[in-house]
Amino acid sequence: MLELYTHDSPYEDGLLDVGDGQRIHWNSSGNPAGTPAVVVHGGPGSGHHPGSRRYFDPERFRVVQYDQRGCGRSRPHAADPSTGLEHNTTAHLVADLERLREHLGIEKWMLYGGSWGSTLILAYAQAHPKRVSAIVICGVTMRSREETDWLYRGVGRFLPGPWEAFRAFPPGADPDGDVFDLLAAYNRLLNDPEETVRRAAARAWATWEDAVISHEVLGKPNAYTDRHSDALMAFTRITAHYFSHQAFLQDGQLLRDTDRLAGIPGELIHGRLDLGSPLRTAWRLAQAWPDANLTVVDEAGHTGSPRMTEAVLAAVERFA
């Protein structure tokens, strides 16, 4: 088992004004003269995890971490119901990432992330390919309608009890309706004036997310419901906002525009047991992106495993 790197505290951090009354929190650690790399967190709305920087050798990398709009230490925070989400879309997040790069004076950087972070990485790289030196993704998603329908309905055939509870929670939900109608119903509940309604909807959403990863014995159990109340509220509110609007992307957009990644080397790492994000998505991306290498970790799911950690360390090492 390879050892994760040890990092000192960030040597700089701040709040960057990105417009629309939004300020995103960021920090830099490692070697200021090292290879620039930015960690793009998942969710959407999860906030960055300091442990993610431990995949990077602090002697050779300048590691940037940040919190996307509305979560983590960014302000205003989406746990506050008065924080509007109308200026929180994929296009806004792509623009924020580019503004952060410019603010830090970085010419090109490597992108690392997974899950929702994968979607945002691909959207950013396709918009700004000349600013990307390499990409490492652990847990590939592209947020097509097919993927979202699978995560919030299709996978229910393996989890009939939890799925029935998730589907039945919003009053009047049509069991045979479009999955985006169900997500829109949750989105309304998560923005309800009554706090008890919002908190109950957040718990119901997170309980379903935990059910989808419940078989992953090598990963992290209860990864969603274990979050403290404000983090859980921001995560569920922002996620429902994005996914009920098809992630503010055209269906199939990221796969369609893969040609824009030409010349960018990539490492794609995916768990064969990822029930919520089946391997097919990673496979299709690898087939469309000749500069990317796909590594499949047989015993890993969405929340990882020791062998997946080794695969990520090896992938990052390639671009040191």
Foldseek 3Di string as FASTA:
>chain_A
DDDFADWDPFPDKDWPDLDPQKTKIKTKTADLPAAEEEEQEAQLLQADDVSVCRLDHSPHYTYMYIRFTQHDPIPDHVLPLVDDCPCPALVSRLSVVVVVCVVSVQQAHEYEYEDRSQQSVLVNCLVPVRRYQAYEYEHHDNLFLVLLCCLLPVLCVVVVVLNVQLQPPQPPRDPPDRSLVSLVSLLCQCSDPDPVSNQVSLQSVLVSVQVQCVVQPQFDHSPQVPDPRSSSSSSSNVNSVCNSCSSPDDHPVSLVSLVSNPPHAYEYEAECSASSRHCVNVVSSCVSHVRYDYDYDDSGYPRGHPVSSVVSSVRNVVVD
